[in-house]
Amino acid sequence: MFTNSDTKTVCSSLKLRWKGIFDFDILYKEMKRFLEVNGLGDENSNFVEEKYAERIKGDSKQLEIRWKGERIVNDYFSYTIEITFLVLDLKAIKVKKDDEEIGTNTGDIEMRFSANLVLNRMGRWKPDGLMKKLYDKYIIKDRIEQHMIELYKLVYRLRDDIKARLELHRF
């Protein structure tokens, strides 16, 4: 998993920042589900939560989380996505909605996304070999571009989905 024979960066600094009310547990689960549905979130084979650090400061928490997922497309291509969360001042609160009190959270969350297209993922070609360069540049150039576009769209769809979910929980 996560072989880096040759990678093409599709996205390296996509960021989402939110300050306000949101349900962190639901957000966490929905993001994980998005990755699973899109072939990047199976904890048994292609998903790793590389870091989960939680610090408690009084009545609030600070979280730092780093995820990495990989979708194997075929013997030559795979997609990798890395997501880093930094959550500051996460607090449990109660809000009133439709005469009902609901438990949720408030805080400041920042997420960073990066995505790479991995070529020659099985390492069958010499990374700097002439044959691989010819193969990538002339034979499968269009397929490489198509995969880069697909991965780009996937990362932005994830970011937009998260943004929409955060907007839905405004009170």
Protein backbone atom coordinates (compact mmCIF):
# COMPACT_ATOMS: atom_id res chain seq x y z
CA MET A 1 0.00 0.00 0.00
CA PHE A 2 1.08 3.56 -0.75
CA THR A 3 3.96 2.70 -3.06
CA ASN A 4 5.55 5.81 -4.47
CA SER A 5 7.07 4.62 -7.72
CA ASP A 6 6.23 7.85 -9.49
CA THR A 7 3.65 10.41 -8.38
CA LYS A 8 1.97 13.34 -10.01
CA THR A 9 0.61 15.92 -7.61
CA VAL A 10 -3.01 16.71 -8.41
CA CYS A 11 -3.70 18.91 -5.40
CA SER A 12 -1.32 19.90 -2.63
CA SER A 13 -2.81 22.75 -0.67
CA LEU A 14 -6.59 22.66 -0.77
CA LYS A 15 -7.89 24.03 2.51
CA LEU A 16 -11.24 24.35 4.28
CA ARG A 17 -11.73 26.40 7.42
CA TRP A 18 -14.85 26.64 9.54
CA LYS A 19 -15.56 28.37 12.81
CA GLY A 20 -18.88 27.93 14.50
CA ILE A 21 -21.40 25.22 15.27
CA PHE A 22 -21.00 21.72 13.81
CA ASP A 23 -21.38 18.15 14.97
CA PHE A 24 -17.85 16.76 14.92
CA ASP A 25 -18.89 13.11 15.31
CA ILE A 26 -21.25 13.30 12.34
CA LEU A 27 -18.68 15.18 10.25
CA TYR A 28 -16.00 12.59 11.06
CA LYS A 29 -18.28 9.65 10.19
CA GLU A 30 -19.61 11.26 6.99
CA MET A 31 -16.10 12.01 5.74
CA LYS A 32 -15.05 8.44 6.46
CA ARG A 33 -18.16 7.18 4.65
CA PHE A 34 -17.37 9.40 1.63
CA LEU A 35 -13.91 7.85 1.44
CA GLU A 36 -15.33 4.32 1.75
CA VAL A 37 -17.93 4.90 -0.97
CA ASN A 38 -15.22 6.27 -3.26
CA GLY A 39 -12.84 3.36 -2.68
CA LEU A 40 -10.41 5.16 -0.36
CA GLY A 41 -11.60 4.21 3.11
CA ASP A 42 -11.27 0.49 3.82
CA GLU A 43 -9.34 0.24 7.07
CA ASN A 44 -8.41 -3.37 6.27
CA SER A 45 -6.58 -2.55 3.07
CA ASN A 46 -6.23 1.03 1.86
CA PHE A 47 -6.95 3.53 4.65
CA VAL A 48 -4.78 4.59 7.58
CA GLU A 49 -5.47 7.03 10.35
CA GLU A 50 -1.83 8.00 10.74
CA LYS A 51 -2.43 10.33 13.66
CA TYR A 52 -5.12 11.03 16.22
CA ALA A 53 -4.00 13.38 18.99
CA GLU A 54 -6.45 14.79 21.50
CA ARG A 55 -5.59 17.41 24.09
CA ILE A 56 -8.06 18.56 26.71
CA LYS A 57 -7.86 22.16 27.92
CA GLY A 58 -10.51 22.94 30.50
CA ASP A 59 -13.92 22.41 28.90
CA SER A 60 -12.57 22.24 25.34
CA LYS A 61 -10.53 19.86 23.20
CA GLN A 62 -7.88 20.27 20.58
CA LEU A 63 -7.64 17.53 17.94
CA GLU A 64 -5.06 16.75 15.31
CA ILE A 65 -5.96 13.98 12.88
CA ARG A 66 -4.23 12.76 9.73
CA TRP A 67 -5.79 10.30 7.27
CA LYS A 68 -4.35 8.67 4.19
CA GLY A 69 -6.36 6.64 1.72
CA GLU A 70 -5.51 4.90 -1.52
CA ARG A 71 -7.70 3.67 -4.35
CA ILE A 72 -6.07 1.12 -6.62
CA VAL A 73 -7.27 1.72 -10.16
CA ASN A 74 -5.25 -1.02 -11.87
CA ASP A 75 -1.72 -2.43 -11.89
CA TYR A 76 -0.31 0.88 -13.09
CA PHE A 77 -2.41 3.61 -11.43
CA SER A 78 -3.62 4.42 -7.93
CA TYR A 79 -4.99 7.53 -6.25
CA THR A 80 -3.83 8.72 -2.84
CA ILE A 81 -5.57 11.32 -0.72
CA GLU A 82 -4.25 12.78 2.52
CA ILE A 83 -6.45 14.79 4.87
CA THR A 84 -5.22 16.65 7.93
CA PHE A 85 -7.66 18.03 10.49
CA LEU A 86 -6.79 20.59 13.12
CA VAL A 87 -9.65 21.31 15.49
CA LEU A 88 -9.26 24.02 18.11
CA ASP A 89 -11.51 24.93 21.02
CA LEU A 90 -13.95 22.04 20.38
CA LYS A 91 -16.73 22.24 22.95
CA ALA A 92 -19.92 20.30 23.52
CA ILE A 93 -22.92 22.63 23.51
CA LYS A 94 -26.71 22.47 23.43
CA VAL A 95 -28.71 24.45 20.88
CA LYS A 96 -32.43 24.93 20.56
CA LYS A 97 -34.01 23.95 17.28
CA ASP A 98 -37.78 23.69 16.78
CA ASP A 99 -38.41 23.84 20.56
CA GLU A 100 -36.03 20.91 21.06
CA GLU A 101 -32.58 20.98 22.65
CA ILE A 102 -29.92 19.29 20.55
CA GLY A 103 -26.39 18.32 21.58
CA THR A 104 -23.72 19.47 19.13
CA ASN A 105 -20.29 21.14 19.07
CA THR A 106 -18.70 24.47 18.49
CA GLY A 107 -15.12 25.10 17.50
CA ASP A 108 -12.63 26.11 14.88
CA ILE A 109 -11.72 23.46 12.31
CA GLU A 110 -9.20 23.55 9.51
CA MET A 111 -8.76 20.74 7.00
CA ARG A 112 -6.04 20.38 4.42
CA PHE A 113 -6.32 18.04 1.46
CA SER A 114 -3.67 16.71 -0.87
CA ALA A 115 -4.01 14.18 -3.68
CA ASN A 116 -1.54 12.34 -5.87
CA LEU A 117 -1.81 10.09 -8.88
CA VAL A 118 0.61 7.21 -8.47
CA LEU A 119 2.06 5.81 -11.70
CA ASN A 120 3.87 2.48 -11.98
CA ARG A 121 2.46 1.57 -8.58
CA MET A 122 3.68 -2.02 -8.81
CA GLY A 123 7.21 -0.82 -9.59
CA ARG A 124 7.47 -2.96 -12.72
CA TRP A 125 9.13 -0.23 -14.74
CA LYS A 126 12.45 1.35 -13.91
CA PRO A 127 11.39 4.81 -12.57
CA ASP A 128 13.83 6.78 -14.73
CA GLY A 129 14.00 4.28 -17.57
CA LEU A 130 13.59 5.26 -21.20
CA MET A 131 10.73 2.80 -21.79
CA LYS A 132 8.70 4.18 -18.89
CA LYS A 133 9.24 7.76 -20.05
CA LEU A 134 8.11 6.86 -23.58
CA TYR A 135 5.14 4.90 -22.24
CA ASP A 136 3.99 7.78 -20.00
CA LYS A 137 4.65 10.55 -22.50
CA TYR A 138 3.30 9.02 -25.70
CA ILE A 139 1.27 5.88 -25.12
CA ILE A 140 -0.81 6.65 -22.02
CA LYS A 141 -0.54 10.43 -21.81
CA ASP A 142 -4.31 10.88 -22.28
CA ARG A 143 -5.12 8.27 -19.63
CA ILE A 144 -2.79 9.99 -17.15
CA GLU A 145 -4.56 13.29 -17.78
CA GLN A 146 -8.00 11.65 -17.41
CA HIS A 147 -7.01 10.11 -14.07
CA MET A 148 -5.61 13.42 -12.85
CA ILE A 149 -8.89 15.16 -13.72
CA GLU A 150 -10.95 12.43 -12.03
CA LEU A 151 -8.88 12.62 -8.85
CA TYR A 152 -9.03 16.43 -8.88
CA LYS A 153 -12.82 16.29 -9.13
CA LEU A 154 -12.98 13.72 -6.32
CA VAL A 155 -10.98 15.87 -3.89
CA TYR A 156 -13.00 18.98 -4.67
CA ARG A 157 -16.25 17.00 -4.38
CA LEU A 158 -15.13 15.85 -0.91
CA ARG A 159 -14.28 19.41 0.12
CA ASP A 160 -17.56 20.75 -1.27
CA ASP A 161 -19.53 17.97 0.45
CA ILE A 162 -17.93 18.83 3.80
CA LYS A 163 -18.58 22.53 3.25
CA ALA A 164 -22.25 21.85 2.43
CA ARG A 165 -22.66 19.69 5.54
CA LEU A 166 -21.16 22.41 7.71
CA GLU A 167 -23.51 24.99 6.17
CA LEU A 168 -26.52 22.73 6.86
CA HIS A 169 -25.80 22.73 10.58
CA ARG A 170 -25.90 26.50 10.98
CA PHE A 171 -28.33 27.57 13.64
